[in-house]
Every structure is written in C-alpha cells, then in structure tokens.
Full PDB file with SEQRES, HELIX, SHEET, SSBOND, CRYST1, ORIGX, SCALE, CONECT and MASTER records, all heavy atoms in Angstrom:
SEQRES   1 A   30  PRO TRP ASP LEU GLY CYS LEU LEU SER LEU GLY ILE ASP          
SEQRES   2 A   30  PRO ALA ALA LYS LYS TYR ILE MET LEU LYS SER ARG ILE          
SEQRES   3 A   30  HIS TYR ARG ALA                                              
HELIX    1 AA1 GLY A    5  LEU A    8  1                                   4    
HELIX    2 AA2 PRO A   14  ALA A   16  5                                   3    
HELIX    3 AA3 HIS A   27  ARG A   29  5                                   3    
CRYST1    1.000    1.000    1.000  90.00  90.00  90.00 P 1           1          
ORIGX1      1.000000  0.000000  0.000000        0.00000                         
ORIGX2      0.000000  1.000000  0.000000        0.00000                         
ORIGX3      0.000000  0.000000  1.000000        0.00000                         
SCALE1      1.000000  0.000000  0.000000        0.00000                         
SCALE2      0.000000  1.000000  0.000000        0.00000                         
SCALE3      0.000000  0.000000  1.000000        0.00000                         
ATOM      1  N   PRO A   1       0.796  -1.223   0.008  1.00  0.00           N  
ATOM      2  CA  PRO A   1      -0.004   0.006  -0.003  1.00  0.00           C  
ATOM      3  C   PRO A   1       0.840   1.270   0.001  1.00  0.00           C  
ATOM      4  O   PRO A   1       1.367   1.663   1.036  1.00  0.00           O  
ATOM      5  CB  PRO A   1      -0.788  -0.131   1.307  1.00  0.00           C  
ATOM      6  CG  PRO A   1       0.123  -0.911   2.207  1.00  0.00           C  
ATOM      7  CD  PRO A   1       0.862  -1.862   1.326  1.00  0.00           C  
ATOM      8  N   TRP A   2       0.970   1.888  -1.162  1.00  0.00           N  
ATOM      9  CA  TRP A   2       1.601   3.196  -1.215  1.00  0.00           C  
ATOM     10  C   TRP A   2       0.662   4.277  -1.786  1.00  0.00           C  
ATOM     11  O   TRP A   2       0.920   5.451  -1.647  1.00  0.00           O  
ATOM     12  CB  TRP A   2       2.901   3.175  -2.031  1.00  0.00           C  
ATOM     13  CG  TRP A   2       2.709   2.954  -3.500  1.00  0.00           C  
ATOM     14  CD1 TRP A   2       2.234   3.878  -4.415  1.00  0.00           C  
ATOM     15  CD2 TRP A   2       2.964   1.785  -4.230  1.00  0.00           C  
ATOM     16  NE1 TRP A   2       2.192   3.325  -5.646  1.00  0.00           N  
ATOM     17  CE2 TRP A   2       2.654   2.040  -5.585  1.00  0.00           C  
ATOM     18  CE3 TRP A   2       3.490   0.532  -3.886  1.00  0.00           C  
ATOM     19  CZ2 TRP A   2       2.794   1.080  -6.562  1.00  0.00           C  
ATOM     20  CZ3 TRP A   2       3.626  -0.424  -4.884  1.00  0.00           C  
ATOM     21  CH2 TRP A   2       3.285  -0.169  -6.201  1.00  0.00           C  
ATOM     22  N   ASP A   3      -0.412   3.833  -2.407  1.00  0.00           N  
ATOM     23  CA  ASP A   3      -1.359   4.758  -3.009  1.00  0.00           C  
ATOM     24  C   ASP A   3      -2.687   4.684  -2.258  1.00  0.00           C  
ATOM     25  O   ASP A   3      -3.165   3.596  -1.917  1.00  0.00           O  
ATOM     26  CB  ASP A   3      -1.575   4.426  -4.478  1.00  0.00           C  
ATOM     27  CG  ASP A   3      -2.381   5.481  -5.205  1.00  0.00           C  
ATOM     28  OD1 ASP A   3      -1.806   6.529  -5.534  1.00  0.00           O  
ATOM     29  OD2 ASP A   3      -3.583   5.268  -5.405  1.00  0.00           O  
ATOM     30  N   LEU A   4      -3.301   5.832  -1.988  1.00  0.00           N  
ATOM     31  CA  LEU A   4      -4.575   5.855  -1.263  1.00  0.00           C  
ATOM     32  C   LEU A   4      -5.654   5.042  -1.963  1.00  0.00           C  
ATOM     33  O   LEU A   4      -6.601   4.592  -1.340  1.00  0.00           O  
ATOM     34  CB  LEU A   4      -5.049   7.294  -1.083  1.00  0.00           C  
ATOM     35  CG  LEU A   4      -4.155   8.217  -0.234  1.00  0.00           C  
ATOM     36  CD1 LEU A   4      -4.761   9.635  -0.201  1.00  0.00           C  
ATOM     37  CD2 LEU A   4      -3.995   7.692   1.174  1.00  0.00           C  
ATOM     38  N   GLY A   5      -5.476   4.832  -3.259  1.00  0.00           N  
ATOM     39  CA  GLY A   5      -6.480   4.081  -4.018  1.00  0.00           C  
ATOM     40  C   GLY A   5      -6.691   2.661  -3.531  1.00  0.00           C  
ATOM     41  O   GLY A   5      -7.766   2.082  -3.758  1.00  0.00           O  
ATOM     42  N   CYS A   6      -5.693   2.079  -2.842  1.00  0.00           N  
ATOM     43  CA  CYS A   6      -5.891   0.716  -2.354  1.00  0.00           C  
ATOM     44  C   CYS A   6      -7.026   0.644  -1.345  1.00  0.00           C  
ATOM     45  O   CYS A   6      -7.673  -0.402  -1.212  1.00  0.00           O  
ATOM     46  CB  CYS A   6      -4.585   0.169  -1.765  1.00  0.00           C  
ATOM     47  SG  CYS A   6      -4.050   0.938  -0.211  1.00  0.00           S  
ATOM     48  N   LEU A   7      -7.305   1.746  -0.634  1.00  0.00           N  
ATOM     49  CA  LEU A   7      -8.432   1.802   0.291  1.00  0.00           C  
ATOM     50  C   LEU A   7      -9.634   2.543  -0.291  1.00  0.00           C  
ATOM     51  O   LEU A   7     -10.777   2.115  -0.114  1.00  0.00           O  
ATOM     52  CB  LEU A   7      -7.991   2.458   1.600  1.00  0.00           C  
ATOM     53  CG  LEU A   7      -6.993   1.665   2.442  1.00  0.00           C  
ATOM     54  CD1 LEU A   7      -6.575   2.449   3.667  1.00  0.00           C  
ATOM     55  CD2 LEU A   7      -7.541   0.316   2.854  1.00  0.00           C  
ATOM     56  N   LEU A   8      -9.381   3.628  -1.000  1.00  0.00           N  
ATOM     57  CA  LEU A   8     -10.486   4.387  -1.583  1.00  0.00           C  
ATOM     58  C   LEU A   8     -11.288   3.516  -2.551  1.00  0.00           C  
ATOM     59  O   LEU A   8     -12.522   3.630  -2.652  1.00  0.00           O  
ATOM     60  CB  LEU A   8      -9.961   5.617  -2.318  1.00  0.00           C  
ATOM     61  CG  LEU A   8      -9.351   6.709  -1.438  1.00  0.00           C  
ATOM     62  CD1 LEU A   8      -8.721   7.793  -2.303  1.00  0.00           C  
ATOM     63  CD2 LEU A   8     -10.381   7.311  -0.491  1.00  0.00           C  
ATOM     64  N   SER A   9     -10.620   2.608  -3.262  1.00  0.00           N  
ATOM     65  CA  SER A   9     -11.313   1.703  -4.201  1.00  0.00           C  
ATOM     66  C   SER A   9     -12.238   0.729  -3.473  1.00  0.00           C  
ATOM     67  O   SER A   9     -13.088   0.104  -4.115  1.00  0.00           O  
ATOM     68  CB  SER A   9     -10.294   0.944  -5.051  1.00  0.00           C  
ATOM     69  OG  SER A   9      -9.527   0.053  -4.243  1.00  0.00           O  
ATOM     70  N   LEU A  10     -12.074   0.605  -2.150  1.00  0.00           N  
ATOM     71  CA  LEU A  10     -12.922  -0.276  -1.358  1.00  0.00           C  
ATOM     72  C   LEU A  10     -14.014   0.494  -0.622  1.00  0.00           C  
ATOM     73  O   LEU A  10     -14.733  -0.067   0.207  1.00  0.00           O  
ATOM     74  CB  LEU A  10     -12.061  -1.047  -0.351  1.00  0.00           C  
ATOM     75  CG  LEU A  10     -10.888  -1.842  -0.912  1.00  0.00           C  
ATOM     76  CD1 LEU A  10     -10.073  -2.468   0.186  1.00  0.00           C  
ATOM     77  CD2 LEU A  10     -11.390  -2.911  -1.888  1.00  0.00           C  
ATOM     78  N   GLY A  11     -14.077   1.793  -0.861  1.00  0.00           N  
ATOM     79  CA  GLY A  11     -15.048   2.608  -0.173  1.00  0.00           C  
ATOM     80  C   GLY A  11     -14.627   3.017   1.230  1.00  0.00           C  
ATOM     81  O   GLY A  11     -15.444   3.482   2.032  1.00  0.00           O  
ATOM     82  N   ILE A  12     -13.325   2.889   1.528  1.00  0.00           N  
ATOM     83  CA  ILE A  12     -12.780   3.276   2.844  1.00  0.00           C  
ATOM     84  C   ILE A  12     -11.997   4.558   2.701  1.00  0.00           C  
ATOM     85  O   ILE A  12     -11.058   4.631   1.892  1.00  0.00           O  
ATOM     86  CB  ILE A  12     -11.884   2.154   3.415  1.00  0.00           C  
ATOM     87  CG1 ILE A  12     -12.678   0.874   3.621  1.00  0.00           C  
ATOM     88  CG2 ILE A  12     -11.228   2.606   4.720  1.00  0.00           C  
ATOM     89  CD1 ILE A  12     -11.824  -0.327   4.001  1.00  0.00           C  
ATOM     90  N   ASP A  13     -12.344   5.562   3.475  1.00  0.00           N  
ATOM     91  CA  ASP A  13     -11.631   6.843   3.478  1.00  0.00           C  
ATOM     92  C   ASP A  13     -10.540   6.779   4.533  1.00  0.00           C  
ATOM     93  O   ASP A  13     -10.825   6.886   5.742  1.00  0.00           O  
ATOM     94  CB  ASP A  13     -12.591   7.983   3.767  1.00  0.00           C  
ATOM     95  CG  ASP A  13     -11.886   9.331   3.785  1.00  0.00           C  
ATOM     96  OD1 ASP A  13     -10.641   9.378   3.511  1.00  0.00           O  
ATOM     97  OD2 ASP A  13     -12.548  10.340   4.088  1.00  0.00           O  
ATOM     98  N   PRO A  14      -9.275   6.599   4.139  1.00  0.00           N  
ATOM     99  CA  PRO A  14      -8.230   6.450   5.134  1.00  0.00           C  
ATOM    100  C   PRO A  14      -8.061   7.690   6.016  1.00  0.00           C  
ATOM    101  O   PRO A  14      -7.695   7.557   7.195  1.00  0.00           O  
ATOM    102  CB  PRO A  14      -6.976   6.186   4.307  1.00  0.00           C  
ATOM    103  CG  PRO A  14      -7.288   6.697   2.948  1.00  0.00           C  
ATOM    104  CD  PRO A  14      -8.753   6.514   2.764  1.00  0.00           C  
ATOM    105  N   ALA A  15      -8.351   8.866   5.488  1.00  0.00           N  
ATOM    106  CA  ALA A  15      -8.188  10.080   6.276  1.00  0.00           C  
ATOM    107  C   ALA A  15      -9.181  10.145   7.429  1.00  0.00           C  
ATOM    108  O   ALA A  15      -8.977  10.921   8.380  1.00  0.00           O  
ATOM    109  CB  ALA A  15      -8.367  11.299   5.374  1.00  0.00           C  
ATOM    110  N   ALA A  16     -10.241   9.344   7.362  1.00  0.00           N  
ATOM    111  CA  ALA A  16     -11.261   9.363   8.412  1.00  0.00           C  
ATOM    112  C   ALA A  16     -10.996   8.308   9.502  1.00  0.00           C  
ATOM    113  O   ALA A  16     -11.747   8.217  10.473  1.00  0.00           O  
ATOM    114  CB  ALA A  16     -12.637   9.115   7.813  1.00  0.00           C  
ATOM    115  N   LYS A  17      -9.944   7.502   9.349  1.00  0.00           N  
ATOM    116  CA  LYS A  17      -9.674   6.431  10.327  1.00  0.00           C  
ATOM    117  C   LYS A  17      -8.724   6.916  11.410  1.00  0.00           C  
ATOM    118  O   LYS A  17      -7.841   7.763  11.145  1.00  0.00           O  
ATOM    119  CB  LYS A  17      -9.049   5.213   9.622  1.00  0.00           C  
ATOM    120  CG  LYS A  17      -9.894   4.638   8.499  1.00  0.00           C  
ATOM    121  CD  LYS A  17     -11.250   4.138   8.971  1.00  0.00           C  
ATOM    122  CE  LYS A  17     -11.130   2.898   9.847  1.00  0.00           C  
ATOM    123  NZ  LYS A  17     -12.478   2.337  10.161  1.00  0.00           N  
ATOM    124  N   LYS A  18      -8.843   6.367  12.597  1.00  0.00           N  
ATOM    125  CA  LYS A  18      -7.901   6.677  13.690  1.00  0.00           C  
ATOM    126  C   LYS A  18      -6.574   5.968  13.446  1.00  0.00           C  
ATOM    127  O   LYS A  18      -5.495   6.573  13.615  1.00  0.00           O  
ATOM    128  CB  LYS A  18      -8.495   6.240  15.030  1.00  0.00           C  
ATOM    129  CG  LYS A  18      -7.531   6.369  16.239  1.00  0.00           C  
ATOM    130  CD  LYS A  18      -7.251   7.813  16.584  1.00  0.00           C  
ATOM    131  CE  LYS A  18      -6.281   7.929  17.763  1.00  0.00           C  
ATOM    132  NZ  LYS A  18      -6.842   7.448  19.028  1.00  0.00           N  
ATOM    133  N   TYR A  19      -6.662   4.701  13.062  1.00  0.00           N  
ATOM    134  CA  TYR A  19      -5.444   3.907  12.845  1.00  0.00           C  
ATOM    135  C   TYR A  19      -5.465   3.246  11.466  1.00  0.00           C  
ATOM    136  O   TYR A  19      -6.510   2.741  11.040  1.00  0.00           O  
ATOM    137  CB  TYR A  19      -5.293   2.815  13.898  1.00  0.00           C  
ATOM    138  CG  TYR A  19      -5.173   3.329  15.324  1.00  0.00           C  
ATOM    139  CD1 TYR A  19      -6.271   3.285  16.198  1.00  0.00           C  
ATOM    140  CD2 TYR A  19      -3.977   3.849  15.777  1.00  0.00           C  
ATOM    141  CE1 TYR A  19      -6.165   3.751  17.495  1.00  0.00           C  
ATOM    142  CE2 TYR A  19      -3.858   4.304  17.111  1.00  0.00           C  
ATOM    143  CZ  TYR A  19      -4.956   4.269  17.941  1.00  0.00           C  
ATOM    144  OH  TYR A  19      -4.862   4.729  19.226  1.00  0.00           O  
ATOM    145  N   ILE A  20      -4.327   3.252  10.788  1.00  0.00           N  
ATOM    146  CA  ILE A  20      -4.190   2.569   9.513  1.00  0.00           C  
ATOM    147  C   ILE A  20      -2.963   1.676   9.600  1.00  0.00           C  
ATOM    148  O   ILE A  20      -1.827   2.150   9.700  1.00  0.00           O  
ATOM    149  CB  ILE A  20      -3.984   3.581   8.358  1.00  0.00           C  
ATOM    150  CG1 ILE A  20      -5.091   4.626   8.353  1.00  0.00           C  
ATOM    151  CG2 ILE A  20      -3.958   2.826   7.022  1.00  0.00           C  
ATOM    152  CD1 ILE A  20      -4.832   5.781   7.377  1.00  0.00           C  
ATOM    153  N   MET A  21      -3.179   0.362   9.635  1.00  0.00           N  
ATOM    154  CA  MET A  21      -2.067  -0.586   9.630  1.00  0.00           C  
ATOM    155  C   MET A  21      -1.685  -0.880   8.193  1.00  0.00           C  
ATOM    156  O   MET A  21      -2.508  -1.306   7.387  1.00  0.00           O  
ATOM    157  CB  MET A  21      -2.428  -1.899  10.335  1.00  0.00           C  
ATOM    158  CG  MET A  21      -1.246  -2.819  10.572  1.00  0.00           C  
ATOM    159  SD  MET A  21      -1.715  -4.552  10.758  1.00  0.00           S  
ATOM    160  CE  MET A  21      -1.569  -5.123   9.052  1.00  0.00           C  
ATOM    161  N   LEU A  22      -0.426  -0.641   7.852  1.00  0.00           N  
ATOM    162  CA  LEU A  22       0.066  -0.850   6.488  1.00  0.00           C  
ATOM    163  C   LEU A  22       1.251  -1.806   6.495  1.00  0.00           C  
ATOM    164  O   LEU A  22       2.195  -1.612   7.256  1.00  0.00           O  
ATOM    165  CB  LEU A  22       0.491   0.490   5.862  1.00  0.00           C  
ATOM    166  CG  LEU A  22      -0.569   1.590   5.752  1.00  0.00           C  
ATOM    167  CD1 LEU A  22       0.067   2.876   5.292  1.00  0.00           C  
ATOM    168  CD2 LEU A  22      -1.661   1.141   4.784  1.00  0.00           C  
ATOM    169  N   LYS A  23       1.188  -2.778   5.627  1.00  0.00           N  
ATOM    170  CA  LYS A  23       2.353  -3.670   5.459  1.00  0.00           C  
ATOM    171  C   LYS A  23       3.296  -3.022   4.453  1.00  0.00           C  
ATOM    172  O   LYS A  23       3.281  -3.324   3.261  1.00  0.00           O  
ATOM    173  CB  LYS A  23       1.907  -5.065   5.020  1.00  0.00           C  
ATOM    174  CG  LYS A  23       1.300  -5.881   6.163  1.00  0.00           C  
ATOM    175  CD  LYS A  23       0.929  -7.285   5.716  1.00  0.00           C  
ATOM    176  CE  LYS A  23       0.441  -8.126   6.886  1.00  0.00           C  
ATOM    177  NZ  LYS A  23       1.510  -8.547   7.790  1.00  0.00           N  
ATOM    178  N   SER A  24       4.099  -2.097   4.973  1.00  0.00           N  
ATOM    179  CA  SER A  24       4.977  -1.294   4.120  1.00  0.00           C  
ATOM    180  C   SER A  24       6.168  -0.838   4.955  1.00  0.00           C  
ATOM    181  O   SER A  24       6.114  -0.783   6.177  1.00  0.00           O  
ATOM    182  CB  SER A  24       4.206  -0.082   3.581  1.00  0.00           C  
ATOM    183  OG  SER A  24       5.024   0.710   2.765  1.00  0.00           O  
ATOM    184  N   ARG A  25       7.254  -0.510   4.236  1.00  0.00           N  
ATOM    185  CA  ARG A  25       8.449   0.006   4.899  1.00  0.00           C  
ATOM    186  C   ARG A  25       8.574   1.527   4.712  1.00  0.00           C  
ATOM    187  O   ARG A  25       8.457   2.307   5.630  1.00  0.00           O  
ATOM    188  CB  ARG A  25       9.681  -0.682   4.345  1.00  0.00           C  
ATOM    189  CG  ARG A  25       9.842  -2.121   4.859  1.00  0.00           C  
ATOM    190  CD  ARG A  25      10.983  -2.797   4.090  1.00  0.00           C  
ATOM    191  NE  ARG A  25      11.739  -3.670   4.970  1.00  0.00           N  
ATOM    192  CZ  ARG A  25      12.797  -4.388   4.579  1.00  0.00           C  
ATOM    193  NH1 ARG A  25      13.213  -4.324   3.339  1.00  0.00           N  
ATOM    194  NH2 ARG A  25      13.417  -5.160   5.445  1.00  0.00           N  
ATOM    195  N   ILE A  26       8.796   1.963   3.471  1.00  0.00           N  
ATOM    196  CA  ILE A  26       9.014   3.360   3.171  1.00  0.00           C  
ATOM    197  C   ILE A  26       8.057   3.844   2.075  1.00  0.00           C  
ATOM    198  O   ILE A  26       7.634   5.025   2.087  1.00  0.00           O  
ATOM    199  CB  ILE A  26      10.461   3.649   2.734  1.00  0.00           C  
ATOM    200  CG1 ILE A  26      11.455   3.201   3.817  1.00  0.00           C  
ATOM    201  CG2 ILE A  26      10.667   5.117   2.387  1.00  0.00           C  
ATOM    202  CD1 ILE A  26      11.443   4.031   5.069  1.00  0.00           C  
ATOM    203  N   HIS A  27       7.679   2.975   1.167  1.00  0.00           N  
ATOM    204  CA  HIS A  27       6.845   3.406   0.032  1.00  0.00           C  
ATOM    205  C   HIS A  27       5.505   4.006   0.446  1.00  0.00           C  
ATOM    206  O   HIS A  27       4.916   4.807  -0.288  1.00  0.00           O  
ATOM    207  CB  HIS A  27       6.597   2.236  -0.938  1.00  0.00           C  
ATOM    208  CG  HIS A  27       7.738   1.965  -1.863  1.00  0.00           C  
ATOM    209  ND1 HIS A  27       8.510   2.969  -2.385  1.00  0.00           N  
ATOM    210  CD2 HIS A  27       8.221   0.788  -2.380  1.00  0.00           C  
ATOM    211  CE1 HIS A  27       9.444   2.432  -3.168  1.00  0.00           C  
ATOM    212  NE2 HIS A  27       9.272   1.128  -3.189  1.00  0.00           N  
ATOM    213  N   TYR A  28       5.035   3.642   1.625  1.00  0.00           N  
ATOM    214  CA  TYR A  28       3.750   4.207   2.101  1.00  0.00           C  
ATOM    215  C   TYR A  28       3.780   5.738   2.098  1.00  0.00           C  
ATOM    216  O   TYR A  28       2.749   6.399   1.982  1.00  0.00           O  
ATOM    217  CB  TYR A  28       3.471   3.727   3.542  1.00  0.00           C  
ATOM    218  CG  TYR A  28       4.320   4.434   4.572  1.00  0.00           C  
ATOM    219  CD1 TYR A  28       3.894   5.605   5.174  1.00  0.00           C  
ATOM    220  CD2 TYR A  28       5.600   3.966   4.898  1.00  0.00           C  
ATOM    221  CE1 TYR A  28       4.676   6.297   6.086  1.00  0.00           C  
ATOM    222  CE2 TYR A  28       6.398   4.637   5.806  1.00  0.00           C  
ATOM    223  CZ  TYR A  28       5.943   5.803   6.392  1.00  0.00           C  
ATOM    224  OH  TYR A  28       6.738   6.477   7.263  1.00  0.00           O  
ATOM    225  N   ARG A  29       4.977   6.315   2.181  1.00  0.00           N  
ATOM    226  CA  ARG A  29       5.105   7.763   2.283  1.00  0.00           C  
ATOM    227  C   ARG A  29       4.567   8.460   1.023  1.00  0.00           C  
ATOM    228  O   ARG A  29       4.143   9.608   1.091  1.00  0.00           O  
ATOM    229  CB  ARG A  29       6.560   8.159   2.498  1.00  0.00           C  
ATOM    230  CG  ARG A  29       7.123   7.667   3.815  1.00  0.00           C  
ATOM    231  CD  ARG A  29       8.594   8.044   3.979  1.00  0.00           C  
ATOM    232  NE  ARG A  29       9.146   7.564   5.231  1.00  0.00           N  
ATOM    233  CZ  ARG A  29      10.398   7.703   5.612  1.00  0.00           C  
ATOM    234  NH1 ARG A  29      11.261   8.362   4.818  1.00  0.00           N  
ATOM    235  NH2 ARG A  29      10.825   7.244   6.772  1.00  0.00           N  
ATOM    236  N   ALA A  30       4.595   7.764  -0.100  1.00  0.00           N  
ATOM    237  CA  ALA A  30       4.165   8.395  -1.362  1.00  0.00           C  
ATOM    238  C   ALA A  30       2.709   8.872  -1.271  1.00  0.00           C  
ATOM    239  O   ALA A  30       2.380   9.982  -1.708  1.00  0.00           O  
ATOM    240  CB  ALA A  30       4.326   7.423  -2.522  1.00  0.00           C  
TER     241      ALA A  30                                                      
MASTER        0    0    0    3    0    0    0    6  240    1    0    3          
END                                                                             
C-alpha cells in the first residue's frame, strides 16, 4: 500500500480512520 487508491477503491476513506495498519516500509510515504 503506497497509494490511497488501495483503500479508496474499497469505499474506505483512510483520512477518516484513527489507525491505519500498512504492510509497508518506506513506500507508504508516497
């Protein structure tokens, strides 16, 4: 997961969540 589309495409707004667990090292920053 480096692009917000991985969640937005599922109808989930990541900006509205308290916690987002991502299996990522650095690319998530993009």
